[in-house]
Amino acid sequence: MTSKTCIVVADIRLARVYCIEAVDSPRVKMKLVEQASLSNPGANLKALGRSTSGRTRTETNTNREAGPMHPIGAQRERHRLELDRRFCQEIAREAAAVTKEWKVGAVVLVAEPRQLGLMREPLRHELHQGIELKELAKDFTSLAPAELCKRLTLGSLLPAHRGGVQ
C-alpha cells in the first residue's frame, strides 16, 4: 500500500521529490522513495559577472555625452530571479507529474524561506484541488531520507507510524 504523500525538498541549487511507501517489516513501517532529483542550471551562473576587486561593476560607457554610467547589478538580479522562478516551475511540474493520478493526498513542501515564496504559487497551480499543500520553511536538502522523514514526523507534517522509518 502506498501513502498518498509526496515530499518536495528544495533549495536554489537542488530539489528532490519523494513518496512514502509502506514497508512490511516489524521495525520499519514506512520509507521515503526518491521519485526525482532536479538541479538548477542557473545556480552556477550566480557567480558570473561579479567583480574580483569588490567594486560595483558598471556598463562600459566610454562616451561622456551618453550620460552617467549605471551599475548593472539591478539587471543581473532580475535575471537571477527569473532563473530561480523557472527552476521553481520545473519543480512544480515534477511534483504534479508524481501526483497526477491522485484525487486526494498531500504534498509537503520543504524549502528555504525565499525558495518557498517562489514555489508556493506555481505548485498550487499545478496540483489537483483535492491535494493538500503543507509547507515548512527549512533547508533540509542535505538530509538523508530517514532523517528527513523523522524530522517531518516530529514536526507533524507526516503521520506518525509505529516502528520507524527507513
N, C-alpha and C. Protein backbone atom coordinates (compact mmCIF):
# COMPACT_ATOMS: atom_id res chain seq x y z
N MET A 1 0.84 -1.19 0.00
CA MET A 1 0.00 0.00 0.00
C MET A 1 0.88 1.24 0.00
N THR A 2 0.57 2.17 -0.84
CA THR A 2 1.34 3.40 -0.95
C THR A 2 0.54 4.56 -0.37
N SER A 3 1.17 5.34 0.50
CA SER A 3 0.53 6.51 1.07
C SER A 3 0.46 7.60 0.02
N LYS A 4 -0.57 8.39 0.06
CA LYS A 4 -0.73 9.48 -0.88
C LYS A 4 -0.07 10.74 -0.33
N THR A 5 1.23 10.66 -0.11
CA THR A 5 2.00 11.80 0.37
C THR A 5 3.25 11.95 -0.47
N CYS A 6 3.44 13.15 -0.99
CA CYS A 6 4.62 13.49 -1.77
C CYS A 6 5.39 14.55 -0.99
N ILE A 7 6.69 14.42 -0.95
CA ILE A 7 7.54 15.37 -0.23
C ILE A 7 8.48 16.01 -1.23
N VAL A 8 8.48 17.33 -1.27
CA VAL A 8 9.38 18.08 -2.14
C VAL A 8 10.33 18.85 -1.24
N VAL A 9 11.62 18.55 -1.36
CA VAL A 9 12.66 19.22 -0.58
C VAL A 9 13.53 19.99 -1.56
N ALA A 10 13.65 21.30 -1.36
CA ALA A 10 14.35 22.10 -2.37
C ALA A 10 15.12 23.26 -1.76
N ASP A 11 16.19 23.62 -2.44
CA ASP A 11 16.85 24.90 -2.23
C ASP A 11 17.11 25.47 -3.62
N ILE A 12 17.88 26.50 -3.74
CA ILE A 12 18.04 27.17 -5.03
C ILE A 12 18.90 26.35 -6.01
N ARG A 13 19.65 25.38 -5.50
CA ARG A 13 20.50 24.56 -6.37
C ARG A 13 19.92 23.20 -6.71
N LEU A 14 19.15 22.62 -5.79
CA LEU A 14 18.77 21.22 -5.89
C LEU A 14 17.35 21.01 -5.37
N ALA A 15 16.64 20.06 -5.98
CA ALA A 15 15.31 19.67 -5.49
C ALA A 15 15.19 18.16 -5.59
N ARG A 16 14.55 17.59 -4.58
CA ARG A 16 14.29 16.14 -4.57
C ARG A 16 12.81 15.94 -4.30
N VAL A 17 12.23 14.97 -4.99
CA VAL A 17 10.82 14.63 -4.82
C VAL A 17 10.75 13.20 -4.32
N TYR A 18 10.08 13.00 -3.19
CA TYR A 18 9.95 11.69 -2.57
C TYR A 18 8.48 11.31 -2.44
N CYS A 19 8.20 10.02 -2.37
CA CYS A 19 6.90 9.49 -2.00
C CYS A 19 7.11 8.54 -0.83
N ILE A 20 6.06 8.39 -0.02
CA ILE A 20 6.13 7.48 1.11
C ILE A 20 5.58 6.13 0.68
N GLU A 21 6.31 5.08 1.02
CA GLU A 21 5.84 3.72 0.75
C GLU A 21 5.85 2.94 2.05
N ALA A 22 4.82 2.12 2.21
CA ALA A 22 4.74 1.26 3.39
C ALA A 22 5.72 0.11 3.24
N VAL A 23 6.28 -0.33 4.36
CA VAL A 23 7.23 -1.43 4.37
C VAL A 23 6.68 -2.52 5.28
N ASP A 24 6.80 -3.75 4.83
CA ASP A 24 6.33 -4.89 5.61
C ASP A 24 7.45 -5.41 6.50
N SER A 25 7.67 -4.72 7.59
CA SER A 25 8.76 -5.07 8.50
C SER A 25 8.32 -4.72 9.91
N PRO A 26 8.72 -5.52 10.91
CA PRO A 26 8.32 -5.20 12.28
C PRO A 26 8.97 -3.93 12.82
N ARG A 27 10.18 -3.61 12.36
CA ARG A 27 10.88 -2.43 12.87
C ARG A 27 10.56 -1.17 12.09
N VAL A 28 10.40 -1.28 10.79
CA VAL A 28 10.23 -0.13 9.92
C VAL A 28 8.84 -0.20 9.26
N LYS A 29 8.08 0.87 9.38
CA LYS A 29 6.72 0.89 8.85
C LYS A 29 6.60 1.65 7.53
N MET A 30 7.52 2.56 7.28
CA MET A 30 7.46 3.32 6.03
C MET A 30 8.86 3.75 5.62
N LYS A 31 9.00 4.07 4.33
CA LYS A 31 10.27 4.59 3.83
C LYS A 31 10.00 5.63 2.76
N LEU A 32 10.97 6.51 2.56
CA LEU A 32 10.88 7.51 1.50
C LEU A 32 11.57 6.96 0.26
N VAL A 33 10.88 7.06 -0.86
CA VAL A 33 11.43 6.61 -2.13
C VAL A 33 11.57 7.84 -3.02
N GLU A 34 12.79 8.09 -3.48
CA GLU A 34 13.04 9.26 -4.33
C GLU A 34 12.46 9.03 -5.71
N GLN A 35 11.61 9.95 -6.14
CA GLN A 35 10.97 9.87 -7.44
C GLN A 35 11.73 10.69 -8.50
N ALA A 36 12.34 11.79 -8.06
CA ALA A 36 13.05 12.66 -9.00
C ALA A 36 14.06 13.51 -8.25
N SER A 37 15.11 13.88 -8.96
CA SER A 37 16.12 14.79 -8.45
C SER A 37 16.40 15.81 -9.54
N LEU A 38 16.27 17.08 -9.22
CA LEU A 38 16.45 18.15 -10.19
C LEU A 38 17.56 19.08 -9.73
N SER A 39 18.33 19.59 -10.68
CA SER A 39 19.33 20.59 -10.33
C SER A 39 19.08 21.83 -11.16
N ASN A 40 19.41 22.97 -10.58
CA ASN A 40 19.18 24.26 -11.21
C ASN A 40 20.40 24.66 -12.02
N PRO A 41 20.32 24.64 -13.35
CA PRO A 41 21.48 25.04 -14.15
C PRO A 41 21.83 26.51 -13.96
N GLY A 42 20.86 27.33 -13.56
CA GLY A 42 21.10 28.75 -13.35
C GLY A 42 21.85 29.04 -12.07
N ALA A 43 21.92 28.08 -11.16
CA ALA A 43 22.61 28.31 -9.89
C ALA A 43 24.10 28.51 -10.10
N ASN A 44 24.67 27.90 -11.13
CA ASN A 44 26.09 28.07 -11.42
C ASN A 44 26.39 29.44 -12.02
N LEU A 45 25.38 30.09 -12.56
CA LEU A 45 25.57 31.41 -13.18
C LEU A 45 25.62 32.52 -12.14
N LYS A 46 25.28 32.24 -10.90
CA LYS A 46 25.21 33.28 -9.89
C LYS A 46 26.56 33.94 -9.63
N ALA A 47 27.64 33.20 -9.79
CA ALA A 47 28.96 33.77 -9.53
C ALA A 47 29.49 34.56 -10.72
N LEU A 48 28.92 34.36 -11.89
CA LEU A 48 29.40 35.06 -13.07
C LEU A 48 29.09 36.54 -12.98
N GLY A 49 29.97 37.36 -13.48
CA GLY A 49 29.73 38.80 -13.54
C GLY A 49 30.08 39.54 -12.27
N ARG A 50 30.60 38.86 -11.27
CA ARG A 50 30.99 39.54 -10.05
C ARG A 50 32.37 40.14 -10.21
N SER A 51 32.58 41.27 -9.63
CA SER A 51 33.87 41.94 -9.68
C SER A 51 34.86 41.24 -8.75
N THR A 52 36.06 41.03 -9.24
CA THR A 52 37.09 40.39 -8.40
C THR A 52 37.65 41.36 -7.37
N SER A 53 37.54 42.66 -7.63
CA SER A 53 38.08 43.65 -6.70
C SER A 53 37.06 44.03 -5.62
N GLY A 54 35.80 43.64 -5.79
CA GLY A 54 34.78 44.01 -4.82
C GLY A 54 34.04 45.28 -5.16
N ARG A 55 34.54 46.03 -6.16
CA ARG A 55 33.86 47.26 -6.57
C ARG A 55 32.63 46.92 -7.41
N THR A 56 31.66 47.81 -7.43
CA THR A 56 30.46 47.62 -8.23
C THR A 56 30.82 47.75 -9.70
N ARG A 57 30.48 46.75 -10.48
CA ARG A 57 30.74 46.80 -11.91
C ARG A 57 29.68 47.66 -12.58
N THR A 58 30.08 48.36 -13.62
CA THR A 58 29.15 49.22 -14.36
C THR A 58 29.21 48.86 -15.83
N GLU A 59 28.23 49.37 -16.56
CA GLU A 59 28.23 49.17 -18.00
C GLU A 59 29.44 49.89 -18.60
N THR A 60 29.92 49.40 -19.70
CA THR A 60 31.01 50.06 -20.38
C THR A 60 30.45 51.27 -21.11
N ASN A 61 30.92 52.44 -20.74
CA ASN A 61 30.43 53.67 -21.34
C ASN A 61 31.64 54.58 -21.51
N THR A 62 32.15 54.65 -22.72
CA THR A 62 33.32 55.49 -22.97
C THR A 62 32.93 56.85 -23.55
N ASN A 63 31.68 57.03 -23.88
CA ASN A 63 31.22 58.27 -24.45
C ASN A 63 30.66 59.15 -23.34
N ARG A 64 31.34 60.25 -23.05
CA ARG A 64 30.89 61.14 -21.97
C ARG A 64 29.57 61.81 -22.30
N GLU A 65 29.25 61.97 -23.56
CA GLU A 65 28.00 62.62 -23.95
C GLU A 65 26.79 61.69 -23.76
N ALA A 66 27.03 60.40 -23.59
CA ALA A 66 25.95 59.44 -23.42
C ALA A 66 25.33 59.50 -22.03
N GLY A 67 25.97 60.18 -21.11
CA GLY A 67 25.41 60.29 -19.77
C GLY A 67 26.21 59.48 -18.76
N PRO A 68 25.73 59.45 -17.53
CA PRO A 68 26.47 58.76 -16.48
C PRO A 68 26.42 57.24 -16.65
N MET A 69 27.38 56.58 -16.04
CA MET A 69 27.41 55.12 -16.09
C MET A 69 26.55 54.59 -14.94
N HIS A 70 25.85 53.49 -15.20
CA HIS A 70 24.93 52.92 -14.21
C HIS A 70 25.39 51.52 -13.81
N PRO A 71 25.18 51.15 -12.56
CA PRO A 71 25.53 49.79 -12.15
C PRO A 71 24.64 48.77 -12.86
N ILE A 72 25.21 47.64 -13.20
CA ILE A 72 24.42 46.63 -13.90
C ILE A 72 23.89 45.57 -12.94
N GLY A 73 24.07 45.79 -11.67
CA GLY A 73 23.63 44.82 -10.67
C GLY A 73 22.13 44.60 -10.66
N ALA A 74 21.34 45.65 -10.88
CA ALA A 74 19.88 45.51 -10.85
C ALA A 74 19.40 44.60 -11.97
N GLN A 75 19.96 44.76 -13.16
CA GLN A 75 19.58 43.90 -14.28
C GLN A 75 20.01 42.46 -14.00
N ARG A 76 21.18 42.28 -13.44
CA ARG A 76 21.67 40.94 -13.13
C ARG A 76 20.77 40.27 -12.09
N GLU A 77 20.32 41.02 -11.09
CA GLU A 77 19.45 40.46 -10.05
C GLU A 77 18.11 40.04 -10.64
N ARG A 78 17.56 40.80 -11.57
CA ARG A 78 16.31 40.41 -12.25
C ARG A 78 16.51 39.13 -13.04
N HIS A 79 17.66 39.00 -13.68
CA HIS A 79 17.96 37.79 -14.45
C HIS A 79 18.06 36.57 -13.52
N ARG A 80 18.73 36.74 -12.39
CA ARG A 80 18.85 35.63 -11.42
C ARG A 80 17.48 35.22 -10.89
N LEU A 81 16.64 36.20 -10.59
CA LEU A 81 15.30 35.92 -10.10
C LEU A 81 14.49 35.14 -11.14
N GLU A 82 14.63 35.50 -12.39
CA GLU A 82 13.92 34.79 -13.46
C GLU A 82 14.42 33.35 -13.58
N LEU A 83 15.70 33.13 -13.45
CA LEU A 83 16.24 31.76 -13.46
C LEU A 83 15.69 30.95 -12.28
N ASP A 84 15.60 31.57 -11.11
CA ASP A 84 15.05 30.89 -9.94
C ASP A 84 13.58 30.55 -10.13
N ARG A 85 12.82 31.47 -10.72
CA ARG A 85 11.39 31.22 -10.99
C ARG A 85 11.21 30.05 -11.96
N ARG A 86 12.03 29.99 -12.98
CA ARG A 86 11.94 28.88 -13.93
C ARG A 86 12.23 27.54 -13.26
N PHE A 87 13.22 27.52 -12.37
CA PHE A 87 13.53 26.30 -11.64
C PHE A 87 12.36 25.89 -10.75
N CYS A 88 11.72 26.87 -10.10
CA CYS A 88 10.56 26.58 -9.26
C CYS A 88 9.41 26.00 -10.08
N GLN A 89 9.20 26.52 -11.28
CA GLN A 89 8.16 25.98 -12.15
C GLN A 89 8.48 24.56 -12.58
N GLU A 90 9.74 24.27 -12.82
CA GLU A 90 10.15 22.91 -13.17
C GLU A 90 9.89 21.94 -12.01
N ILE A 91 10.17 22.38 -10.80
CA ILE A 91 9.91 21.56 -9.61
C ILE A 91 8.41 21.31 -9.47
N ALA A 92 7.61 22.36 -9.66
CA ALA A 92 6.16 22.22 -9.55
C ALA A 92 5.62 21.24 -10.59
N ARG A 93 6.14 21.29 -11.81
CA ARG A 93 5.70 20.34 -12.85
C ARG A 93 6.07 18.91 -12.48
N GLU A 94 7.24 18.74 -11.88
CA GLU A 94 7.66 17.39 -11.48
C GLU A 94 6.78 16.85 -10.36
N ALA A 95 6.46 17.69 -9.38
CA ALA A 95 5.56 17.26 -8.29
C ALA A 95 4.17 16.94 -8.84
N ALA A 96 3.70 17.72 -9.80
CA ALA A 96 2.40 17.46 -10.41
C ALA A 96 2.41 16.15 -11.19
N ALA A 97 3.53 15.83 -11.83
CA ALA A 97 3.64 14.57 -12.57
C ALA A 97 3.59 13.37 -11.62
N VAL A 98 4.20 13.51 -10.45
CA VAL A 98 4.19 12.42 -9.47
C VAL A 98 2.78 12.20 -8.92
N THR A 99 2.02 13.29 -8.76
CA THR A 99 0.70 13.22 -8.14
C THR A 99 -0.45 13.27 -9.14
N LYS A 100 -0.19 13.13 -10.42
CA LYS A 100 -1.23 13.35 -11.44
C LYS A 100 -2.40 12.39 -11.33
N GLU A 101 -2.20 11.17 -10.85
CA GLU A 101 -3.27 10.19 -10.71
C GLU A 101 -4.05 10.33 -9.41
N TRP A 102 -3.58 11.16 -8.50
CA TRP A 102 -4.20 11.30 -7.19
C TRP A 102 -5.38 12.26 -7.26
N LYS A 103 -6.45 11.90 -6.56
CA LYS A 103 -7.58 12.82 -6.38
C LYS A 103 -7.51 13.49 -5.01
N VAL A 104 -6.94 12.76 -4.03
CA VAL A 104 -6.72 13.31 -2.69
C VAL A 104 -5.31 12.92 -2.26
N GLY A 105 -4.80 13.63 -1.28
CA GLY A 105 -3.47 13.35 -0.78
C GLY A 105 -2.85 14.63 -0.24
N ALA A 106 -1.54 14.61 -0.07
CA ALA A 106 -0.85 15.77 0.46
C ALA A 106 0.53 15.89 -0.19
N VAL A 107 0.93 17.13 -0.41
CA VAL A 107 2.28 17.44 -0.84
C VAL A 107 2.91 18.27 0.26
N VAL A 108 4.04 17.81 0.77
CA VAL A 108 4.77 18.54 1.80
C VAL A 108 5.93 19.24 1.12
N LEU A 109 5.90 20.56 1.15
CA LEU A 109 6.93 21.38 0.51
C LEU A 109 7.87 21.90 1.59
N VAL A 110 9.14 21.49 1.51
CA VAL A 110 10.16 21.91 2.47
C VAL A 110 11.22 22.66 1.68
N ALA A 111 11.37 23.95 1.96
CA ALA A 111 12.33 24.76 1.22
C ALA A 111 12.77 25.93 2.09
N GLU A 112 13.92 26.50 1.72
CA GLU A 112 14.37 27.69 2.43
C GLU A 112 13.32 28.80 2.19
N PRO A 113 13.20 29.78 3.08
CA PRO A 113 12.11 30.74 3.01
C PRO A 113 11.95 31.46 1.66
N ARG A 114 13.03 31.91 1.06
CA ARG A 114 12.93 32.61 -0.22
C ARG A 114 12.41 31.67 -1.31
N GLN A 115 12.94 30.46 -1.33
CA GLN A 115 12.54 29.46 -2.30
C GLN A 115 11.07 29.07 -2.09
N LEU A 116 10.66 28.97 -0.84
CA LEU A 116 9.27 28.64 -0.52
C LEU A 116 8.33 29.68 -1.09
N GLY A 117 8.70 30.94 -0.96
CA GLY A 117 7.87 32.01 -1.52
C GLY A 117 7.76 31.94 -3.03
N LEU A 118 8.85 31.57 -3.70
CA LEU A 118 8.83 31.46 -5.16
C LEU A 118 8.07 30.22 -5.63
N MET A 119 8.06 29.16 -4.83
CA MET A 119 7.46 27.89 -5.25
C MET A 119 5.98 27.77 -4.93
N ARG A 120 5.51 28.48 -3.95
CA ARG A 120 4.15 28.31 -3.45
C ARG A 120 3.10 28.42 -4.56
N GLU A 121 3.10 29.49 -5.30
CA GLU A 121 2.05 29.72 -6.31
C GLU A 121 2.15 28.74 -7.49
N PRO A 122 3.33 28.51 -8.08
CA PRO A 122 3.38 27.53 -9.18
C PRO A 122 2.95 26.13 -8.75
N LEU A 123 3.28 25.74 -7.53
CA LEU A 123 2.91 24.41 -7.06
C LEU A 123 1.41 24.30 -6.84
N ARG A 124 0.80 25.30 -6.24
CA ARG A 124 -0.66 25.29 -6.07
C ARG A 124 -1.37 25.25 -7.41
N HIS A 125 -0.82 25.94 -8.39
CA HIS A 125 -1.43 25.98 -9.72
C HIS A 125 -1.37 24.62 -10.41
N GLU A 126 -0.29 23.87 -10.19
CA GLU A 126 -0.10 22.58 -10.87
C GLU A 126 -0.84 21.42 -10.22
N LEU A 127 -1.10 21.49 -8.91
CA LEU A 127 -1.67 20.36 -8.18
C LEU A 127 -3.19 20.28 -8.35
N HIS A 128 -3.72 19.05 -8.26
CA HIS A 128 -5.16 18.82 -8.27
C HIS A 128 -5.75 19.47 -7.03
N GLN A 129 -7.00 19.93 -7.11
CA GLN A 129 -7.60 20.67 -5.99
C GLN A 129 -7.79 19.83 -4.73
N GLY A 130 -7.88 18.52 -4.85
CA GLY A 130 -8.06 17.67 -3.68
C GLY A 130 -6.78 17.39 -2.92
N ILE A 131 -5.67 17.84 -3.43
CA ILE A 131 -4.37 17.59 -2.79
C ILE A 131 -4.01 18.77 -1.89
N GLU A 132 -3.78 18.45 -0.63
CA GLU A 132 -3.44 19.47 0.36
C GLU A 132 -1.96 19.82 0.25
N LEU A 133 -1.64 21.11 0.37
CA LEU A 133 -0.25 21.57 0.33
C LEU A 133 0.16 21.98 1.74
N LYS A 134 1.19 21.31 2.27
CA LYS A 134 1.75 21.64 3.58
C LYS A 134 3.13 22.24 3.34
N GLU A 135 3.51 23.21 4.16
CA GLU A 135 4.77 23.92 3.95
C GLU A 135 5.62 23.96 5.21
N LEU A 136 6.94 23.94 4.99
CA LEU A 136 7.90 24.11 6.08
C LEU A 136 9.07 24.92 5.53
N ALA A 137 9.38 26.03 6.17
CA ALA A 137 10.47 26.92 5.73
C ALA A 137 11.79 26.50 6.38
N LYS A 138 12.39 25.43 5.85
CA LYS A 138 13.68 24.93 6.32
C LYS A 138 14.46 24.43 5.12
N ASP A 139 15.78 24.42 5.24
CA ASP A 139 16.62 23.86 4.19
C ASP A 139 17.07 22.46 4.63
N PHE A 140 16.34 21.44 4.15
CA PHE A 140 16.62 20.05 4.51
C PHE A 140 17.17 19.26 3.33
N THR A 141 17.71 19.91 2.31
CA THR A 141 18.17 19.20 1.12
C THR A 141 19.35 18.28 1.41
N SER A 142 20.11 18.57 2.44
CA SER A 142 21.29 17.74 2.73
C SER A 142 20.97 16.54 3.61
N LEU A 143 19.73 16.40 4.08
CA LEU A 143 19.38 15.29 4.97
C LEU A 143 19.16 13.99 4.20
N ALA A 144 19.52 12.89 4.85
CA ALA A 144 19.22 11.57 4.31
C ALA A 144 17.71 11.33 4.41
N PRO A 145 17.14 10.47 3.57
CA PRO A 145 15.69 10.24 3.60
C PRO A 145 15.16 9.83 4.98
N ALA A 146 15.87 8.98 5.72
CA ALA A 146 15.39 8.55 7.03
C ALA A 146 15.35 9.72 8.02
N GLU A 147 16.38 10.56 8.00
CA GLU A 147 16.42 11.72 8.89
C GLU A 147 15.36 12.74 8.50
N LEU A 148 15.15 12.94 7.21
CA LEU A 148 14.12 13.85 6.72
C LEU A 148 12.75 13.39 7.19
N CYS A 149 12.47 12.11 7.04
CA CYS A 149 11.19 11.56 7.45
C CYS A 149 10.99 11.72 8.96
N LYS A 150 12.03 11.50 9.71
CA LYS A 150 11.97 11.64 11.17
C LYS A 150 11.64 13.07 11.56
N ARG A 151 12.32 14.03 10.95
CA ARG A 151 12.07 15.44 11.29
C ARG A 151 10.68 15.91 10.87
N LEU A 152 10.21 15.43 9.72
CA LEU A 152 8.86 15.82 9.28
C LEU A 152 7.79 15.17 10.15
N THR A 153 8.05 13.97 10.65
CA THR A 153 7.11 13.31 11.56
C THR A 153 7.07 14.05 12.89
N LEU A 154 8.23 14.43 13.41
CA LEU A 154 8.28 15.19 14.66
C LEU A 154 7.60 16.55 14.51
N GLY A 155 7.68 17.14 13.33
CA GLY A 155 7.05 18.42 13.07
C GLY A 155 5.58 18.30 12.69
N SER A 156 5.02 17.11 12.77
CA SER A 156 3.61 16.82 12.47
C SER A 156 3.22 17.07 11.02
N LEU A 157 4.18 17.07 10.12
CA LEU A 157 3.86 17.21 8.70
C LEU A 157 3.60 15.86 8.05
N LEU A 158 4.11 14.79 8.68
CA LEU A 158 3.85 13.43 8.22
C LEU A 158 3.16 12.68 9.36
N PRO A 159 2.31 11.71 9.02
CA PRO A 159 1.66 10.94 10.07
C PRO A 159 2.67 10.08 10.80
N ALA A 160 2.53 9.99 12.11
CA ALA A 160 3.43 9.17 12.91
C ALA A 160 3.07 7.71 12.72
N HIS A 161 4.08 6.90 12.46
CA HIS A 161 3.88 5.47 12.31
C HIS A 161 4.62 4.75 13.41
N ARG A 162 4.00 3.76 13.97
CA ARG A 162 4.70 2.96 14.98
C ARG A 162 5.84 2.22 14.31
N GLY A 163 6.89 2.05 15.02
CA GLY A 163 8.05 1.39 14.45
C GLY A 163 9.09 2.43 14.12
N GLY A 164 9.27 2.72 12.87
CA GLY A 164 10.27 3.69 12.49
C GLY A 164 10.23 3.95 11.01
N VAL A 165 11.26 4.57 10.52
CA VAL A 165 11.36 4.87 9.10
C VAL A 165 12.68 4.30 8.58
N GLN A 166 12.69 4.04 7.32
CA GLN A 166 13.90 3.51 6.69
C GLN A 166 14.46 4.54 5.75
